[in-house]
Amino acid sequence: EKIDEIFEEFDSVPIASGSVSQVYKAKYHGRKVAVKVRHPGVDTYIERDVELLFMISKIGSLFSKSLKIPIGQ
């Protein structure tokens, strides 16, 4: 669906921005709401970053057990 079909009002200028998403002000069913919109492709970057962290942890745990990430406790 298009934004103008979902929201009565939608401010196209973000009120906040981060590495994962931006936040916009909108009106939905007569109420003021905040709408969080993820940046395109961010899922791919998050998955890659998590895989890198586990790889670094695995290598680090060869030198010290305290660097190992506990899984499934």
N, C-alpha and C. Protein backbone atom coordinates (compact mmCIF):
# COMPACT_ATOMS: atom_id res chain seq x y z
N GLU A 1 0.83 -1.18 0.00
CA GLU A 1 0.00 0.00 0.00
C GLU A 1 0.87 1.25 0.00
N LYS A 2 0.32 2.32 -0.50
CA LYS A 2 1.03 3.59 -0.52
C LYS A 2 0.85 4.31 0.81
N ILE A 3 1.83 5.13 1.16
CA ILE A 3 1.80 5.85 2.44
C ILE A 3 0.52 6.65 2.59
N ASP A 4 0.12 7.35 1.54
CA ASP A 4 -1.08 8.20 1.65
C ASP A 4 -2.38 7.39 1.74
N GLU A 5 -2.31 6.11 1.46
CA GLU A 5 -3.48 5.23 1.65
C GLU A 5 -3.55 4.70 3.08
N ILE A 6 -2.44 4.70 3.79
CA ILE A 6 -2.38 4.17 5.15
C ILE A 6 -2.57 5.28 6.18
N PHE A 7 -1.88 6.40 5.98
CA PHE A 7 -1.87 7.49 6.96
C PHE A 7 -2.66 8.69 6.46
N GLU A 8 -3.32 9.36 7.40
CA GLU A 8 -4.05 10.59 7.06
C GLU A 8 -3.05 11.72 6.78
N GLU A 9 -1.97 11.75 7.54
CA GLU A 9 -0.88 12.71 7.34
C GLU A 9 0.43 11.96 7.53
N PHE A 10 1.44 12.40 6.78
CA PHE A 10 2.77 11.81 6.92
C PHE A 10 3.80 12.88 6.61
N ASP A 11 4.60 13.25 7.62
CA ASP A 11 5.63 14.26 7.44
C ASP A 11 6.85 13.60 6.80
N SER A 12 7.26 14.08 5.63
CA SER A 12 8.35 13.43 4.89
C SER A 12 9.74 13.77 5.44
N VAL A 13 9.81 14.67 6.43
CA VAL A 13 11.09 15.00 7.05
C VAL A 13 11.24 14.16 8.32
N PRO A 14 12.29 13.34 8.40
CA PRO A 14 12.45 12.49 9.59
C PRO A 14 12.73 13.31 10.85
N ILE A 15 12.21 12.83 11.99
CA ILE A 15 12.47 13.49 13.28
C ILE A 15 13.66 12.84 13.98
N ALA A 16 14.07 11.67 13.51
CA ALA A 16 15.24 10.98 14.06
C ALA A 16 15.79 10.03 12.99
N SER A 17 17.08 9.78 13.07
CA SER A 17 17.71 8.89 12.11
C SER A 17 18.83 8.13 12.79
N GLY A 18 18.98 6.88 12.41
CA GLY A 18 20.04 6.05 12.97
C GLY A 18 20.61 5.15 11.89
N SER A 19 21.44 4.23 12.29
CA SER A 19 22.08 3.35 11.33
C SER A 19 21.12 2.30 10.77
N VAL A 20 20.03 2.04 11.48
CA VAL A 20 19.09 1.01 11.05
C VAL A 20 17.83 1.59 10.42
N SER A 21 17.39 2.75 10.91
CA SER A 21 16.12 3.29 10.41
C SER A 21 16.01 4.79 10.63
N GLN A 22 14.89 5.34 10.13
CA GLN A 22 14.52 6.72 10.37
C GLN A 22 13.13 6.73 10.97
N VAL A 23 12.81 7.80 11.73
CA VAL A 23 11.50 7.91 12.36
C VAL A 23 10.80 9.16 11.82
N TYR A 24 9.54 8.99 11.48
CA TYR A 24 8.73 10.08 10.93
C TYR A 24 7.48 10.28 11.78
N LYS A 25 6.95 11.52 11.75
CA LYS A 25 5.67 11.80 12.39
C LYS A 25 4.56 11.56 11.38
N ALA A 26 3.43 11.01 11.88
CA ALA A 26 2.29 10.77 11.00
C ALA A 26 1.01 10.82 11.82
N LYS A 27 -0.11 10.75 11.12
CA LYS A 27 -1.41 10.67 11.78
C LYS A 27 -2.12 9.42 11.25
N TYR A 28 -2.57 8.57 12.19
CA TYR A 28 -3.20 7.29 11.84
C TYR A 28 -4.48 7.15 12.65
N HIS A 29 -5.60 7.04 11.99
CA HIS A 29 -6.91 6.96 12.65
C HIS A 29 -7.09 8.09 13.66
N GLY A 30 -6.69 9.31 13.27
CA GLY A 30 -6.87 10.48 14.10
C GLY A 30 -5.87 10.66 15.22
N ARG A 31 -4.92 9.74 15.35
CA ARG A 31 -3.92 9.82 16.43
C ARG A 31 -2.55 10.12 15.85
N LYS A 32 -1.78 10.94 16.57
CA LYS A 32 -0.40 11.20 16.19
C LYS A 32 0.44 9.97 16.52
N VAL A 33 1.23 9.53 15.56
CA VAL A 33 2.06 8.34 15.75
C VAL A 33 3.48 8.60 15.23
N ALA A 34 4.39 7.77 15.66
CA ALA A 34 5.75 7.75 15.13
C ALA A 34 5.88 6.51 14.25
N VAL A 35 6.43 6.70 13.06
CA VAL A 35 6.57 5.60 12.11
C VAL A 35 8.06 5.35 11.90
N LYS A 36 8.50 4.14 12.21
CA LYS A 36 9.90 3.77 12.05
C LYS A 36 10.06 3.04 10.72
N VAL A 37 10.93 3.55 9.87
CA VAL A 37 11.15 2.99 8.54
C VAL A 37 12.60 2.52 8.44
N ARG A 38 12.77 1.23 8.23
CA ARG A 38 14.13 0.68 8.11
C ARG A 38 14.77 1.11 6.79
N HIS A 39 16.08 1.32 6.83
CA HIS A 39 16.81 1.63 5.61
C HIS A 39 16.80 0.39 4.71
N PRO A 40 16.75 0.58 3.39
CA PRO A 40 16.74 -0.56 2.47
C PRO A 40 17.99 -1.42 2.64
N GLY A 41 17.80 -2.73 2.66
CA GLY A 41 18.92 -3.66 2.72
C GLY A 41 19.60 -3.78 4.07
N VAL A 42 19.06 -3.14 5.10
CA VAL A 42 19.72 -3.15 6.41
C VAL A 42 19.79 -4.56 7.00
N ASP A 43 18.82 -5.41 6.69
CA ASP A 43 18.83 -6.80 7.19
C ASP A 43 20.10 -7.53 6.77
N THR A 44 20.51 -7.32 5.54
CA THR A 44 21.72 -7.96 5.02
C THR A 44 22.95 -7.52 5.81
N TYR A 45 23.01 -6.22 6.11
CA TYR A 45 24.16 -5.70 6.86
C TYR A 45 24.18 -6.21 8.30
N ILE A 46 23.01 -6.31 8.92
CA ILE A 46 22.93 -6.80 10.29
C ILE A 46 23.38 -8.26 10.35
N GLU A 47 22.89 -9.08 9.41
CA GLU A 47 23.28 -10.49 9.37
C GLU A 47 24.79 -10.62 9.18
N ARG A 48 25.35 -9.81 8.28
CA ARG A 48 26.79 -9.85 8.04
C ARG A 48 27.57 -9.47 9.29
N ASP A 49 27.11 -8.41 9.97
CA ASP A 49 27.80 -7.95 11.18
C ASP A 49 27.77 -9.00 12.29
N VAL A 50 26.62 -9.67 12.46
CA VAL A 50 26.50 -10.71 13.48
C VAL A 50 27.43 -11.89 13.15
N GLU A 51 27.47 -12.27 11.87
CA GLU A 51 28.37 -13.35 11.46
C GLU A 51 29.83 -12.99 11.74
N LEU A 52 30.19 -11.73 11.47
CA LEU A 52 31.56 -11.27 11.76
C LEU A 52 31.87 -11.33 13.25
N LEU A 53 30.91 -10.91 14.08
CA LEU A 53 31.12 -10.97 15.53
C LEU A 53 31.35 -12.39 16.02
N PHE A 54 30.56 -13.34 15.49
CA PHE A 54 30.75 -14.74 15.89
C PHE A 54 32.09 -15.27 15.41
N MET A 55 32.52 -14.87 14.21
CA MET A 55 33.81 -15.32 13.69
C MET A 55 34.94 -14.76 14.56
N ILE A 56 34.86 -13.48 14.91
CA ILE A 56 35.88 -12.87 15.77
C ILE A 56 35.90 -13.54 17.13
N SER A 57 34.71 -13.85 17.67
CA SER A 57 34.62 -14.53 18.96
C SER A 57 35.25 -15.92 18.89
N LYS A 58 34.98 -16.62 17.80
CA LYS A 58 35.53 -17.97 17.65
C LYS A 58 37.06 -17.93 17.60
N ILE A 59 37.60 -16.99 16.85
CA ILE A 59 39.06 -16.85 16.76
C ILE A 59 39.62 -16.42 18.12
N GLY A 60 38.95 -15.45 18.75
CA GLY A 60 39.41 -14.96 20.05
C GLY A 60 39.37 -16.02 21.12
N SER A 61 38.38 -16.93 21.05
CA SER A 61 38.26 -17.97 22.07
C SER A 61 39.41 -18.98 22.00
N LEU A 62 40.14 -19.00 20.89
CA LEU A 62 41.33 -19.85 20.80
C LEU A 62 42.41 -19.34 21.74
N PHE A 63 42.39 -18.04 22.04
CA PHE A 63 43.38 -17.42 22.91
C PHE A 63 42.89 -17.28 24.35
N SER A 64 41.55 -17.11 24.51
CA SER A 64 40.99 -16.96 25.85
C SER A 64 39.52 -17.39 25.84
N LYS A 65 39.17 -18.27 26.76
CA LYS A 65 37.78 -18.76 26.85
C LYS A 65 36.80 -17.63 27.18
N SER A 66 37.28 -16.54 27.79
CA SER A 66 36.39 -15.43 28.14
C SER A 66 35.90 -14.67 26.91
N LEU A 67 36.52 -14.89 25.74
CA LEU A 67 36.10 -14.22 24.52
C LEU A 67 35.05 -15.01 23.73
N LYS A 68 34.71 -16.21 24.21
CA LYS A 68 33.73 -17.03 23.53
C LYS A 68 32.32 -16.54 23.84
N ILE A 69 31.48 -16.47 22.81
CA ILE A 69 30.09 -16.05 22.99
C ILE A 69 29.26 -17.28 23.37
N PRO A 70 28.63 -17.25 24.55
CA PRO A 70 27.80 -18.39 24.95
C PRO A 70 26.52 -18.43 24.11
N ILE A 71 26.17 -19.61 23.61
CA ILE A 71 24.98 -19.76 22.77
C ILE A 71 24.05 -20.79 23.41
N GLY A 72 22.75 -20.46 23.43
CA GLY A 72 21.72 -21.40 23.90
C GLY A 72 21.84 -21.79 25.36
N GLN A 73 21.96 -20.81 26.23
CA GLN A 73 22.11 -21.12 27.65
C GLN A 73 20.85 -21.62 28.24
